[in-house]
């Protein structure tokens, strides 16, 4: 049985179109999620452009790639923002820690390239 046939059978069994409406709503929600994902990628790209400049500044002035005090301030700030926005603060912190780890790796690469 084809997927289209299965959907039509479900719609017919539903009788009043609730399944069809549910599929429409699902498609709308997924389209919104796709748009948000695109925005997140663009925001991350913009963020990394800035952190690359920070990495170059650090390297040029002999500053270490990592700044633990700044990182902890950012973690506290992000947890607070997440809580205010109804997002799990632990998830937000894990997400930012992943990003910060990648940023530090980039900063180390910049430093190492400048030392070569």
Protein backbone atom coordinates (compact mmCIF):
# COMPACT_ATOMS: atom_id res chain seq x y z
CA UNK A 1 0.00 0.00 0.00
CA UNK A 2 1.44 3.40 -0.97
CA UNK A 3 1.95 6.22 1.51
CA UNK A 4 -0.55 8.38 -0.38
CA UNK A 5 -3.15 5.62 -0.25
CA UNK A 6 -2.51 5.17 3.48
CA UNK A 7 -2.96 8.91 4.09
CA UNK A 8 -6.22 8.98 2.11
CA UNK A 9 -7.47 5.96 4.05
CA UNK A 10 -6.61 7.68 7.34
CA UNK A 11 -8.36 10.88 6.21
CA UNK A 12 -11.45 8.93 5.21
CA UNK A 13 -11.48 7.08 8.50
CA UNK A 14 -11.11 10.38 10.32
CA UNK A 15 -14.28 11.62 8.74
CA UNK A 16 -14.08 15.33 9.51
CA UNK A 17 -10.62 16.27 8.23
CA UNK A 18 -8.78 16.41 11.56
CA UNK A 19 -5.92 14.35 10.14
CA UNK A 20 -5.64 16.62 7.11
CA UNK A 21 -5.61 19.69 9.33
CA UNK A 22 -3.03 18.08 11.62
CA UNK A 23 -0.77 17.46 8.61
CA UNK A 24 -1.16 21.10 7.54
CA UNK A 25 -0.28 22.33 11.02
CA UNK A 26 2.66 19.94 11.16
CA UNK A 27 3.95 21.26 7.82
CA UNK A 28 3.62 24.84 9.07
CA UNK A 29 5.50 24.07 12.30
CA UNK A 30 8.23 22.29 10.38
CA UNK A 31 8.58 25.23 7.99
CA UNK A 32 9.00 27.53 11.00
CA UNK A 33 11.61 25.18 12.47
CA UNK A 34 13.46 25.15 9.13
CA UNK A 35 13.50 28.97 9.12
CA UNK A 36 14.77 29.08 12.69
CA UNK A 37 17.49 26.54 11.86
CA UNK A 38 18.62 28.73 8.95
CA UNK A 39 18.69 31.76 11.25
CA UNK A 40 20.72 29.83 13.85
CA UNK A 41 23.28 28.83 11.23
CA UNK A 42 23.57 32.44 10.05
CA UNK A 43 23.88 33.72 13.63
CA UNK A 44 26.56 31.14 14.42
CA UNK A 45 28.48 32.12 11.29
CA UNK A 46 28.32 35.77 12.35
CA UNK A 47 29.40 34.88 15.87
CA UNK A 48 32.38 32.92 14.56
CA UNK A 49 33.42 35.82 12.32
CA UNK A 50 33.66 37.95 15.46
CA UNK A 51 35.44 35.30 17.51
CA UNK A 52 37.98 34.86 14.69
CA UNK A 53 38.77 38.58 14.99
CA UNK A 54 39.06 38.17 18.76
CA UNK A 55 41.44 35.26 18.19
CA UNK A 56 43.63 37.37 15.90
CA UNK A 57 43.70 40.20 18.47
CA UNK A 58 44.66 37.77 21.23
CA UNK A 59 47.40 36.27 19.11
CA UNK A 60 48.79 39.66 18.05
CA UNK A 61 48.99 40.80 21.68
CA UNK A 62 50.22 37.58 23.26
CA UNK A 63 47.00 36.86 25.12
CA UNK A 64 45.99 33.25 25.86
CA UNK A 65 43.37 31.58 23.63
CA UNK A 66 41.10 30.84 26.61
CA UNK A 67 39.71 33.32 29.12
CA UNK A 68 38.15 31.25 31.92
CA UNK A 69 36.80 34.27 33.82
CA UNK A 70 35.01 35.57 30.70
CA UNK A 71 33.72 32.08 29.92
CA UNK A 72 32.20 31.71 33.39
CA UNK A 73 30.57 35.15 33.13
CA UNK A 74 29.09 34.12 29.79
CA UNK A 75 27.84 30.81 31.23
CA UNK A 76 26.09 32.58 34.09
CA UNK A 77 24.61 35.16 31.71
CA UNK A 78 23.41 32.50 29.28
CA UNK A 79 21.86 30.38 32.05
CA UNK A 80 20.00 33.47 33.27
CA UNK A 81 18.79 34.31 29.74
CA UNK A 82 17.76 30.71 29.14
CA UNK A 83 15.79 30.60 32.37
CA UNK A 84 14.05 33.88 31.52
CA UNK A 85 13.18 32.50 28.06
CA UNK A 86 11.82 29.19 29.29
CA UNK A 87 14.78 27.20 27.94
CA UNK A 88 16.49 24.57 30.07
CA UNK A 89 19.57 26.37 31.50
CA UNK A 90 21.58 23.13 31.54
CA UNK A 91 20.95 22.63 27.84
CA UNK A 92 21.89 26.26 27.14
CA UNK A 93 25.14 25.86 29.08
CA UNK A 94 26.05 22.64 27.26
CA UNK A 95 25.36 24.36 23.95
CA UNK A 96 27.53 27.37 24.84
CA UNK A 97 30.32 25.19 26.23
CA UNK A 98 30.40 23.32 22.91
CA UNK A 99 30.69 26.63 21.05
CA UNK A 100 33.34 28.03 23.42
CA UNK A 101 35.41 24.85 23.08
CA UNK A 102 35.35 25.28 19.31
CA UNK A 103 36.23 28.98 19.60
CA UNK A 104 39.23 28.19 21.80
CA UNK A 105 40.37 25.57 19.28
CA UNK A 106 40.19 28.23 16.55
CA UNK A 107 42.12 30.69 18.73
CA UNK A 108 44.82 28.08 19.32
CA UNK A 109 45.08 27.48 15.57
CA UNK A 110 45.44 31.22 14.96
CA UNK A 111 48.13 31.47 17.67
CA UNK A 112 49.99 28.44 16.32
CA UNK A 113 49.88 29.80 12.76
CA UNK A 114 51.23 33.15 13.96
CA UNK A 115 54.03 31.40 15.92
CA UNK A 116 55.10 29.38 12.87
